[in-house]
Amino acid sequence: MTNLSVYFKSVRIRKIVTKGFLIYLALPASGQNLNHDRVLDLVTAVSAAQANDPWLSGNQHSQDAVESLSVAAGSLPDPRISVEFANLAVDTLDFDQEDMSQLKVGVTQVFPRGDSLALRKKQLELIGSRYPYQRETRKGQVGVTTVQLWFDAYETQESIAIIESSRALFEQLADLAQASYSSALGRIRQHDIVRAQLELTRLEDRLTVLKRRNQTNLHRLSEQVNNAFLDEYDDKSLAGNSETTSLPRLPRKMPQIEMHNSNLFTSRADVTPQRLFAYFRDHPALAAIEKNIKASETGIDLAEQKYKPEWGVNASYGYRGEDSFGKDRSDLISVAVSFDLLLFASKRLDKEVQSAVSRTESIKAEKWLLLRKLVGSFETNRASLLWLSQRQELYRSELLPQMHEQAEASLTAYTNDDGDFAEVVRARIAELNASIDALKIDVERQKTIAQLNYLFIKKAKNLIATRHHPIAIAGEVK
């Protein structure tokens, strides 16, 4: 083979590689080949997880139980009826022998202390009214967890797509290295061939790890949103269709969660706790504690009713038969009122009231602890969001374009016999890693927004409102 033919062969190989790389740039990331027949978007996943949570069914049953007790608590205790034969002669047991003998029928009714009935009913009603807020809080927490699981699966899915779309280029680089080394042209050395094959092997290993992780993430997400376990409950409206389905696949476009009260996050100025309290006071978790506080305050009033006497009324009618001479005897009627004297209960009742007051103060402390926790969570996630937004802008505006330009320049220099093969490989690996890092930043930012939105929910259904990303996802090179 002449030197001229060898030269043209080398040039043709480089053109093939360059053309293949340009085709790679023009194609979007293809993604992993998931043979699933249903696409699970983020809004559907969150809605399904919130609807299929068995905790909600148990909480509803607890509310029904308390509400039923509140109806019973407002009712007077049942009267007691007594029937007795009184003052019979022991020797004969003759009803007509003695004038005092009588058939006596009585009824006794007890009236609880003060307003105990009304207050007990009110207390149970307040306890029952906290359960809807607890369910909203739980739905919000389930929604945040589902967002985390969904984006974990999305990140691994798209990381696989980025690597698979890059694998063809590395295969072409390996073929180029082998062809150049075989033709004895260029500066390709044997360790360059080994390096190219090594990078391909490392890509395959990364794909294997990511695919395994993706399967795990999809299983966790599927368990979060499925409703098979609801058959254990009698509430058929929640149970629905419990057929198990295959693992879902996720859409390729990254959803963007709308941020609640975005003005609080975009400003770099400090947000005072007093300002945050105005937003947090409508949070269902705080509303549930407020109901607990009111119920506990009613418990104080209930304890104070014990200082009042408990009243009882007894009425009886006594029937008497004829005397020994056949003469009718007058029947008897008795009415009695009873009440207790709290002569020795003062110390005991004082302690019961004090206990009820302390219990109320304890619940108020829980409220302030929750408020402090919400404020702390806001500050932590707000700082994370600002940091992630800065990194996201840096990657989009500078780092990713620079990485791409560096990779292009190294490939161009190599095809013009003015660059090193190892530098081409390093540049492509750096671009691949930067794309995956940018994807992680985008995903973490959406997770953080969901956690921040939870702090401002009134209804859990308003936790997320999504729109598709207006620009290409990380890893898609235009």
Protein backbone atom coordinates (compact mmCIF):
# COMPACT_ATOMS: atom_id res chain seq x y z
CA MET A 1 0.00 0.00 0.00
CA THR A 2 1.38 3.39 -1.00
CA ASN A 3 1.72 6.26 1.41
CA LEU A 4 -0.90 8.20 -0.57
CA SER A 5 -3.50 5.42 -0.28
CA VAL A 6 -2.77 5.07 3.42
CA TYR A 7 -3.21 8.83 3.85
CA PHE A 8 -6.59 8.81 2.08
CA LYS A 9 -7.71 5.81 4.13
CA SER A 10 -6.82 7.68 7.33
CA VAL A 11 -8.67 10.78 6.20
CA ARG A 12 -11.73 8.69 5.30
CA ILE A 13 -11.75 7.07 8.74
CA ARG A 14 -11.63 10.47 10.43
CA LYS A 15 -14.45 11.79 8.25
CA ILE A 16 -16.59 8.79 9.13
CA VAL A 17 -15.99 9.39 12.85
CA THR A 18 -16.69 13.10 12.53
CA LYS A 19 -19.87 12.45 10.56
CA GLY A 20 -20.99 9.89 13.14
CA PHE A 21 -20.38 12.35 15.94
CA LEU A 22 -22.41 15.03 14.18
CA ILE A 23 -25.27 12.56 13.78
CA TYR A 24 -24.96 11.83 17.51
CA LEU A 25 -25.31 15.54 18.25
CA ALA A 26 -28.36 15.87 16.06
CA LEU A 27 -30.25 13.01 17.71
CA PRO A 28 -32.04 13.42 21.06
CA ALA A 29 -31.24 11.04 23.85
CA SER A 30 -33.16 7.85 23.15
CA GLY A 31 -33.57 6.64 26.73
CA GLN A 32 -33.62 3.14 28.04
CA ASN A 33 -35.84 0.61 26.36
CA LEU A 34 -38.48 0.09 29.03
CA ASN A 35 -41.15 -2.27 27.83
CA HIS A 36 -43.89 -0.70 29.90
CA ASP A 37 -47.30 0.24 28.59
CA ARG A 38 -48.18 3.16 30.84
CA VAL A 39 -46.61 6.56 31.35
CA LEU A 40 -46.81 7.89 34.88
CA ASP A 41 -46.53 11.66 35.01
CA LEU A 42 -45.78 13.51 38.23
CA VAL A 43 -49.27 14.91 38.87
CA THR A 44 -50.88 11.50 38.38
CA ALA A 45 -48.33 9.85 40.69
CA VAL A 46 -48.93 12.35 43.48
CA SER A 47 -52.73 12.15 43.13
CA ALA A 48 -52.68 8.35 43.16
CA ALA A 49 -50.39 8.19 46.20
CA GLN A 50 -52.59 10.63 48.11
CA ALA A 51 -55.78 8.74 47.22
CA ASN A 52 -54.39 5.27 47.96
CA ASP A 53 -52.83 5.90 51.37
CA PRO A 54 -54.37 3.45 53.88
CA TRP A 55 -53.54 5.81 56.75
CA LEU A 56 -56.30 8.12 55.50
CA SER A 57 -58.89 5.38 55.81
CA GLY A 58 -57.83 4.63 59.37
CA ASN A 59 -57.94 8.32 60.26
CA GLN A 60 -61.47 8.62 58.84
CA HIS A 61 -62.59 5.70 61.01
CA SER A 62 -61.05 7.41 64.05
CA GLN A 63 -63.01 10.57 63.26
CA ASP A 64 -66.24 8.60 62.90
CA ALA A 65 -65.62 6.97 66.28
CA VAL A 66 -65.05 10.30 68.05
CA GLU A 67 -68.07 11.92 66.40
CA SER A 68 -70.26 9.03 67.50
CA LEU A 69 -68.97 9.42 71.05
CA SER A 70 -69.77 13.14 70.99
CA VAL A 71 -73.42 12.37 70.32
CA ALA A 72 -73.52 9.88 73.19
CA ALA A 73 -71.64 12.24 75.53
CA GLY A 74 -74.37 14.89 75.28
CA SER A 75 -77.10 12.62 76.56
CA LEU A 76 -78.27 12.30 80.16
CA PRO A 77 -77.50 9.00 81.88
CA ASP A 78 -80.41 6.56 81.77
CA PRO A 79 -82.83 6.62 84.72
CA ARG A 80 -82.88 3.67 87.09
CA ILE A 81 -86.12 1.87 87.93
CA SER A 82 -86.55 -0.04 91.18
CA VAL A 83 -89.35 -2.45 92.19
CA GLU A 84 -89.55 -3.79 95.75
CA PHE A 85 -91.85 -5.39 98.27
CA ALA A 86 -91.30 -3.40 101.44
CA ASN A 87 -92.08 -4.16 105.08
CA LEU A 88 -93.56 -7.65 104.67
CA ALA A 89 -94.16 -9.67 107.84
CA VAL A 90 -91.50 -12.32 108.13
CA ASP A 91 -93.66 -14.89 109.84
CA THR A 92 -96.41 -15.03 107.19
CA LEU A 93 -95.20 -12.96 104.28
CA ASP A 94 -98.81 -11.78 104.03
CA PHE A 95 -99.03 -8.53 102.11
CA ASP A 96 -102.24 -7.49 103.96
CA GLN A 97 -101.09 -8.34 107.48
CA GLU A 98 -99.16 -5.16 108.31
CA ASP A 99 -100.16 -1.58 107.58
CA MET A 100 -96.63 -0.73 106.46
CA SER A 101 -96.42 -3.44 103.80
CA GLN A 102 -96.36 -2.02 100.24
CA LEU A 103 -95.35 -2.65 96.66
CA LYS A 104 -92.97 0.14 95.86
CA VAL A 105 -91.95 1.33 92.38
CA GLY A 106 -89.33 4.07 92.10
CA VAL A 107 -87.37 5.95 89.47
CA THR A 108 -84.03 7.68 89.97
CA GLN A 109 -82.42 10.23 87.63
CA VAL A 110 -78.93 11.62 88.09
CA PHE A 111 -77.93 15.00 86.62
CA PRO A 112 -74.17 15.41 86.00
CA ARG A 113 -72.31 18.32 87.52
CA GLY A 114 -72.91 21.77 86.06
CA ASP A 115 -72.50 21.89 82.26
CA SER A 116 -70.46 18.70 82.10
CA LEU A 117 -72.59 17.12 79.38
CA ALA A 118 -72.46 20.09 77.03
CA LEU A 119 -68.77 20.63 77.62
CA ARG A 120 -67.89 16.97 77.11
CA LYS A 121 -69.85 16.95 73.86
CA LYS A 122 -68.12 20.14 72.72
CA GLN A 123 -64.71 18.72 73.59
CA LEU A 124 -65.29 15.57 71.53
CA GLU A 125 -66.61 17.62 68.62
CA LEU A 126 -63.42 19.70 68.69
CA ILE A 127 -61.31 16.55 68.83
CA GLY A 128 -63.24 15.17 65.87
CA SER A 129 -62.77 18.37 63.87
CA ARG A 130 -58.98 18.00 63.91
CA TYR A 131 -58.99 14.81 61.82
CA PRO A 132 -59.65 16.48 58.42
CA TYR A 133 -56.64 18.71 59.02
CA GLN A 134 -54.56 15.68 59.95
CA ARG A 135 -55.55 14.06 56.67
CA GLU A 136 -54.57 17.16 54.70
CA THR A 137 -51.22 17.19 56.49
CA ARG A 138 -50.70 13.53 55.73
CA LYS A 139 -51.62 14.03 52.07
CA GLY A 140 -49.09 16.83 51.85
CA GLN A 141 -46.38 14.64 53.37
CA VAL A 142 -47.26 11.76 51.06
CA GLY A 143 -47.16 14.16 48.13
CA VAL A 144 -43.65 15.36 49.01
CA THR A 145 -42.45 11.77 49.43
CA THR A 146 -43.95 10.83 46.08
CA VAL A 147 -42.24 13.77 44.39
CA GLN A 148 -38.93 12.57 45.85
CA LEU A 149 -39.48 9.01 44.61
CA TRP A 150 -40.69 10.15 41.18
CA PHE A 151 -37.67 12.38 40.58
CA ASP A 152 -35.29 9.69 41.86
CA ALA A 153 -36.65 7.40 39.16
CA TYR A 154 -36.60 10.20 36.61
CA GLU A 155 -32.96 11.02 37.35
CA THR A 156 -31.80 7.45 36.84
CA GLN A 157 -33.92 7.13 33.69
CA GLU A 158 -32.44 10.23 32.12
CA SER A 159 -28.90 9.42 33.29
CA ILE A 160 -29.23 6.12 31.44
CA ALA A 161 -30.47 8.00 28.38
CA ILE A 162 -27.49 10.38 28.46
CA ILE A 163 -24.96 7.55 28.77
CA GLU A 164 -26.59 5.40 26.11
CA SER A 165 -26.64 8.29 23.66
CA SER A 166 -22.92 8.86 24.35
CA ARG A 167 -21.93 5.22 24.03
CA ALA A 168 -22.09 5.27 20.22
CA LEU A 169 -19.55 8.07 20.11
CA PHE A 170 -17.12 6.24 22.38
CA GLU A 171 -17.49 3.12 20.24
CA GLN A 172 -16.58 5.18 17.18
CA LEU A 173 -13.59 6.66 19.00
CA ALA A 174 -12.44 3.16 19.88
CA ASP A 175 -12.81 2.06 16.24
CA LEU A 176 -10.87 5.13 15.14
CA ALA A 177 -8.07 4.36 17.56
CA GLN A 178 -7.89 0.76 16.35
CA ALA A 179 -7.93 1.76 12.68
CA SER A 180 -5.26 4.43 13.13
CA TYR A 181 -3.08 2.06 15.13
CA SER A 182 -3.45 -0.70 12.52
CA SER A 183 -2.58 1.67 9.67
CA ALA A 184 0.55 2.84 11.52
CA LEU A 185 -0.47 6.43 10.84
CA GLY A 186 -1.08 9.22 13.31
CA ARG A 187 0.04 9.30 16.90
CA ILE A 188 -2.20 6.52 18.21
CA ARG A 189 -0.41 4.27 20.67
CA GLN A 190 -1.44 0.97 22.10
CA HIS A 191 -2.38 2.45 25.47
CA ASP A 192 -4.79 4.80 23.65
CA ILE A 193 -6.62 1.75 22.33
CA VAL A 194 -6.67 0.28 25.82
CA ARG A 195 -7.94 3.61 27.19
CA ALA A 196 -10.76 3.74 24.65
CA GLN A 197 -11.85 0.19 25.45
CA LEU A 198 -11.58 0.90 29.16
CA GLU A 199 -13.90 3.89 28.90
CA LEU A 200 -16.43 1.76 27.01
CA THR A 201 -16.26 -0.85 29.75
CA ARG A 202 -16.71 1.81 32.42
CA LEU A 203 -19.75 3.16 30.56
CA GLU A 204 -21.24 -0.33 30.50
CA ASP A 205 -20.64 -0.66 34.22
CA ARG A 206 -22.27 2.71 34.91
CA LEU A 207 -25.26 1.65 32.81
CA THR A 208 -25.57 -1.61 34.73
CA VAL A 209 -25.53 0.19 38.07
CA LEU A 210 -27.98 2.84 36.90
CA LYS A 211 -30.40 0.32 35.41
CA ARG A 212 -30.44 -1.63 38.65
CA ARG A 213 -30.99 1.59 40.61
CA ASN A 214 -33.71 2.63 38.19
CA GLN A 215 -35.56 -0.63 38.69
CA THR A 216 -35.37 -0.14 42.46
CA ASN A 217 -36.63 3.44 42.19
CA LEU A 218 -39.51 2.40 39.93
CA HIS A 219 -40.48 -0.37 42.36
CA ARG A 220 -40.53 2.09 45.25
CA LEU A 221 -42.57 4.56 43.23
CA SER A 222 -45.00 1.85 42.12
CA GLU A 223 -45.51 0.73 45.71
CA GLN A 224 -46.21 4.32 46.71
CA VAL A 225 -48.96 4.86 44.13
CA ASN A 226 -50.59 1.43 43.86
CA ASN A 227 -53.83 0.59 45.64
CA ALA A 228 -53.65 -3.19 45.97
CA PHE A 229 -53.44 -3.07 49.77
CA LEU A 230 -56.68 -1.11 50.09
CA ASP A 231 -58.65 -4.34 49.73
CA GLU A 232 -57.92 -4.82 53.43
CA TYR A 233 -60.35 -1.99 54.16
CA ASP A 234 -64.10 -1.96 53.83
CA ASP A 235 -64.16 1.44 52.17
CA LYS A 236 -64.82 0.38 48.59
CA SER A 237 -64.82 3.97 47.40
CA LEU A 238 -61.10 4.04 48.16
CA ALA A 239 -60.27 0.47 47.26
CA GLY A 240 -61.10 0.82 43.58
CA ASN A 241 -59.30 -1.48 41.18
CA SER A 242 -56.58 -3.38 42.98
CA GLU A 243 -55.07 -5.10 39.97
CA THR A 244 -51.31 -5.00 40.05
CA THR A 245 -49.62 -3.47 37.05
CA SER A 246 -46.15 -3.58 35.59
CA LEU A 247 -43.57 -0.99 36.43
CA PRO A 248 -44.40 2.37 34.88
CA ARG A 249 -42.23 4.44 32.63
CA LEU A 250 -41.84 8.14 33.09
CA PRO A 251 -42.18 10.92 30.51
CA ARG A 252 -39.00 12.27 28.95
CA LYS A 253 -39.72 15.94 29.58
CA MET A 254 -38.89 17.17 33.05
CA PRO A 255 -41.95 18.71 34.76
CA GLN A 256 -41.49 22.06 36.46
CA ILE A 257 -43.32 22.47 39.78
CA GLU A 258 -44.91 25.85 40.20
CA MET A 259 -43.51 27.59 43.27
CA HIS A 260 -45.91 28.97 45.89
CA ASN A 261 -45.08 32.45 47.21
CA SER A 262 -42.07 32.66 44.95
CA ASN A 263 -41.37 36.22 46.10
CA LEU A 264 -40.14 34.79 49.42
CA PHE A 265 -37.52 32.64 47.70
CA THR A 266 -36.23 34.84 44.93
CA SER A 267 -35.41 37.71 47.27
CA ARG A 268 -31.98 37.60 48.84
CA ALA A 269 -33.17 39.63 51.82
CA ASP A 270 -33.87 37.82 55.07
CA VAL A 271 -37.48 36.83 55.70
CA THR A 272 -38.50 37.47 59.31
CA PRO A 273 -40.29 34.77 61.33
CA GLN A 274 -43.15 37.18 61.94
CA ARG A 275 -43.72 37.43 58.21
CA LEU A 276 -43.61 33.66 57.84
CA PHE A 277 -46.14 33.17 60.65
CA ALA A 278 -48.71 34.96 58.52
CA TYR A 279 -48.24 32.27 55.86
CA PHE A 280 -47.91 29.28 58.16
CA ARG A 281 -50.99 29.93 60.30
CA ASP A 282 -53.20 28.32 57.65
CA HIS A 283 -51.09 25.16 57.45
CA PRO A 284 -53.29 22.12 58.21
CA ALA A 285 -50.80 20.76 60.74
CA LEU A 286 -51.10 23.98 62.75
CA ALA A 287 -54.89 24.00 62.32
CA ALA A 288 -55.02 20.50 63.81
CA ILE A 289 -52.99 21.65 66.82
CA GLU A 290 -55.29 24.65 67.23
CA LYS A 291 -58.22 22.24 67.48
CA ASN A 292 -56.30 20.28 70.10
CA ILE A 293 -55.69 23.47 72.07
CA LYS A 294 -59.38 24.40 72.01
CA ALA A 295 -60.35 20.89 73.03
CA SER A 296 -57.85 21.02 75.89
CA GLU A 297 -59.16 24.42 77.01
CA THR A 298 -62.63 22.91 77.07
CA GLY A 299 -61.10 20.21 79.25
CA ILE A 300 -60.18 22.91 81.77
CA ASP A 301 -63.80 24.07 81.87
CA LEU A 302 -64.84 20.45 82.22
CA ALA A 303 -62.51 19.93 85.18
CA GLU A 304 -63.88 23.06 86.86
CA GLN A 305 -67.40 21.64 86.69
CA LYS A 306 -66.36 19.09 89.29
CA TYR A 307 -66.56 21.83 91.92
CA LYS A 308 -70.31 21.83 91.38
CA PRO A 309 -72.55 19.20 93.02
CA GLU A 310 -74.01 16.26 91.20
CA TRP A 311 -77.78 16.18 91.61
CA GLY A 312 -80.13 13.25 91.78
CA VAL A 313 -83.93 13.01 91.87
CA ASN A 314 -85.79 9.98 93.17
CA ALA A 315 -89.54 9.47 92.97
CA SER A 316 -91.38 6.36 94.17
CA TYR A 317 -94.95 5.12 94.43
CA GLY A 318 -95.97 2.65 97.12
CA TYR A 319 -99.07 0.52 96.69
CA ARG A 320 -100.72 -0.86 99.88
CA GLY A 321 -103.43 -3.44 100.01
CA GLU A 322 -106.44 -3.75 102.39
CA ASP A 323 -105.91 -4.14 106.10
CA SER A 324 -106.99 -7.19 108.13
CA PHE A 325 -110.51 -5.79 108.36
CA GLY A 326 -110.87 -5.34 104.60
CA LYS A 327 -110.51 -1.59 104.74
CA ASP A 328 -108.57 0.16 101.96
CA ARG A 329 -105.30 1.81 102.89
CA SER A 330 -103.95 4.93 101.21
CA ASP A 331 -101.12 4.47 98.74
CA LEU A 332 -97.86 6.35 99.34
CA ILE A 333 -95.70 8.59 97.14
CA SER A 334 -92.16 9.71 97.91
CA VAL A 335 -89.94 12.34 96.25
CA ALA A 336 -86.29 12.88 97.17
CA VAL A 337 -83.50 15.12 95.96
CA SER A 338 -79.86 14.19 96.56
CA PHE A 339 -76.58 16.01 96.00
CA ASP A 340 -73.05 15.54 97.17
CA LEU A 341 -71.12 17.82 99.50
CA LEU A 342 -67.58 18.49 98.33
CA LEU A 343 -66.12 18.83 101.79
CA PHE A 344 -62.92 16.85 101.31
CA ALA A 345 -62.37 17.06 97.51
CA SER A 346 -60.89 20.55 97.28
CA LYS A 347 -57.27 19.46 97.06
CA ARG A 348 -58.03 16.68 94.61
CA LEU A 349 -60.10 18.94 92.32
CA ASP A 350 -57.50 21.68 92.40
CA LYS A 351 -54.93 19.23 91.10
CA GLU A 352 -57.24 18.02 88.35
CA VAL A 353 -57.75 21.58 87.13
CA GLN A 354 -54.04 22.24 87.35
CA SER A 355 -53.41 19.09 85.31
CA ALA A 356 -55.83 20.25 82.63
CA VAL A 357 -54.13 23.67 82.48
CA SER A 358 -50.69 22.08 82.18
CA ARG A 359 -51.94 19.81 79.43
CA THR A 360 -53.16 22.83 77.48
CA GLU A 361 -49.86 24.63 77.88
CA SER A 362 -48.07 21.51 76.69
CA ILE A 363 -50.10 21.49 73.47
CA LYS A 364 -49.41 25.20 72.98
CA ALA A 365 -45.70 24.39 73.28
CA GLU A 366 -46.16 21.80 70.51
CA LYS A 367 -47.62 24.56 68.34
CA TRP A 368 -44.60 26.80 68.82
CA LEU A 369 -42.24 23.89 68.23
CA LEU A 370 -44.01 23.13 64.96
CA LEU A 371 -43.84 26.78 63.92
CA ARG A 372 -40.13 26.84 64.67
CA LYS A 373 -39.68 23.64 62.68
CA LEU A 374 -41.53 25.14 59.70
CA VAL A 375 -39.42 28.29 59.86
CA GLY A 376 -36.23 26.23 60.07
CA SER A 377 -37.31 24.08 57.16
CA PHE A 378 -38.08 27.20 55.14
CA GLU A 379 -34.67 28.73 55.80
CA THR A 380 -32.81 25.50 55.01
CA ASN A 381 -34.68 24.77 51.80
CA ARG A 382 -34.65 28.41 50.71
CA ALA A 383 -30.86 28.46 51.00
CA SER A 384 -30.67 25.18 49.07
CA LEU A 385 -32.95 26.55 46.36
CA LEU A 386 -30.88 29.71 45.91
CA TRP A 387 -27.69 27.65 45.74
CA LEU A 388 -29.18 25.18 43.26
CA SER A 389 -30.56 28.00 41.11
CA GLN A 390 -27.10 29.57 40.95
CA ARG A 391 -25.54 26.27 39.94
CA GLN A 392 -28.28 25.64 37.40
CA GLU A 393 -27.67 29.02 35.76
CA LEU A 394 -23.91 28.46 35.80
CA TYR A 395 -24.26 25.08 34.08
CA ARG A 396 -26.72 26.29 31.47
CA SER A 397 -25.05 29.56 30.59
CA GLU A 398 -21.37 28.68 30.93
CA LEU A 399 -20.26 25.24 31.99
CA LEU A 400 -22.21 23.04 29.55
CA PRO A 401 -21.50 25.25 26.51
CA GLN A 402 -17.82 25.43 27.48
CA MET A 403 -17.62 21.67 27.93
CA HIS A 404 -19.20 21.17 24.54
CA GLU A 405 -16.85 23.65 22.89
CA GLN A 406 -13.86 21.97 24.51
CA ALA A 407 -14.98 18.55 23.27
CA GLU A 408 -15.56 19.93 19.77
CA ALA A 409 -12.19 21.65 19.72
CA SER A 410 -10.32 18.55 20.89
CA LEU A 411 -12.03 16.41 18.23
CA THR A 412 -11.33 18.98 15.51
CA ALA A 413 -7.69 19.26 16.56
CA TYR A 414 -7.31 15.49 16.50
CA THR A 415 -8.89 15.10 13.06
CA ASN A 416 -6.41 17.73 11.81
CA ASP A 417 -3.43 15.82 13.28
CA ASP A 418 -2.98 18.59 15.85
CA GLY A 419 -4.37 16.98 18.97
CA ASP A 420 -3.99 14.07 21.31
CA PHE A 421 -6.40 11.13 21.32
CA ALA A 422 -6.41 10.94 25.10
CA GLU A 423 -7.54 14.56 25.26
CA VAL A 424 -10.49 13.76 22.98
CA VAL A 425 -11.58 10.98 25.33
CA ARG A 426 -11.13 13.13 28.42
CA ALA A 427 -13.15 15.96 26.91
CA ARG A 428 -16.03 13.67 25.99
CA ILE A 429 -16.07 12.08 29.43
CA ALA A 430 -16.05 15.52 31.05
CA GLU A 431 -18.98 16.62 28.86
CA LEU A 432 -20.89 13.45 29.74
CA ASN A 433 -20.31 13.92 33.47
CA ALA A 434 -21.29 17.59 33.28
CA SER A 435 -24.57 16.68 31.59
CA ILE A 436 -25.37 14.18 34.33
CA ASP A 437 -24.41 16.70 37.02
CA ALA A 438 -26.69 19.29 35.41
CA LEU A 439 -29.52 16.76 35.44
CA LYS A 440 -28.95 16.12 39.16
CA ILE A 441 -29.10 19.85 39.86
CA ASP A 442 -32.39 20.19 37.96
CA VAL A 443 -33.86 17.23 39.84
CA GLU A 444 -32.72 18.43 43.27
CA ARG A 445 -34.16 21.86 42.55
CA GLN A 446 -37.61 20.39 41.82
CA LYS A 447 -37.46 18.31 45.01
CA THR A 448 -36.61 21.41 47.01
CA ILE A 449 -39.50 23.37 45.49
CA ALA A 450 -41.90 20.58 46.51
CA GLN A 451 -40.60 20.69 50.09
CA LEU A 452 -41.03 24.46 50.17
CA ASN A 453 -44.53 24.25 48.71
CA TYR A 454 -45.51 21.88 51.52
CA LEU A 455 -44.86 24.67 54.02
CA PHE A 456 -47.57 26.83 52.45
CA ILE A 457 -50.33 24.36 51.65
CA LYS A 458 -53.90 24.82 52.78
CA LYS A 459 -55.15 21.91 50.69
CA ALA A 460 -52.85 19.05 49.77
CA LYS A 461 -54.16 18.98 46.21
CA ASN A 462 -52.43 22.34 45.69
CA LEU A 463 -49.01 20.96 46.57
CA ILE A 464 -47.83 20.84 42.98
CA ALA A 465 -48.93 22.35 39.72
CA THR A 466 -46.55 21.41 36.94
CA ARG A 467 -45.60 22.59 33.53
CA HIS A 468 -43.15 21.02 31.12
CA HIS A 469 -39.65 22.35 30.99
CA PRO A 470 -39.54 25.11 28.34
CA ILE A 471 -36.00 24.17 27.29
CA ALA A 472 -34.23 20.90 26.61
CA ILE A 473 -33.47 18.69 29.58
CA ALA A 474 -29.90 18.29 30.74
CA GLY A 475 -28.02 16.00 28.42
CA GLU A 476 -29.90 16.91 25.27
CA VAL A 477 -27.44 18.76 23.07
CA LYS A 478 -28.93 21.05 20.48
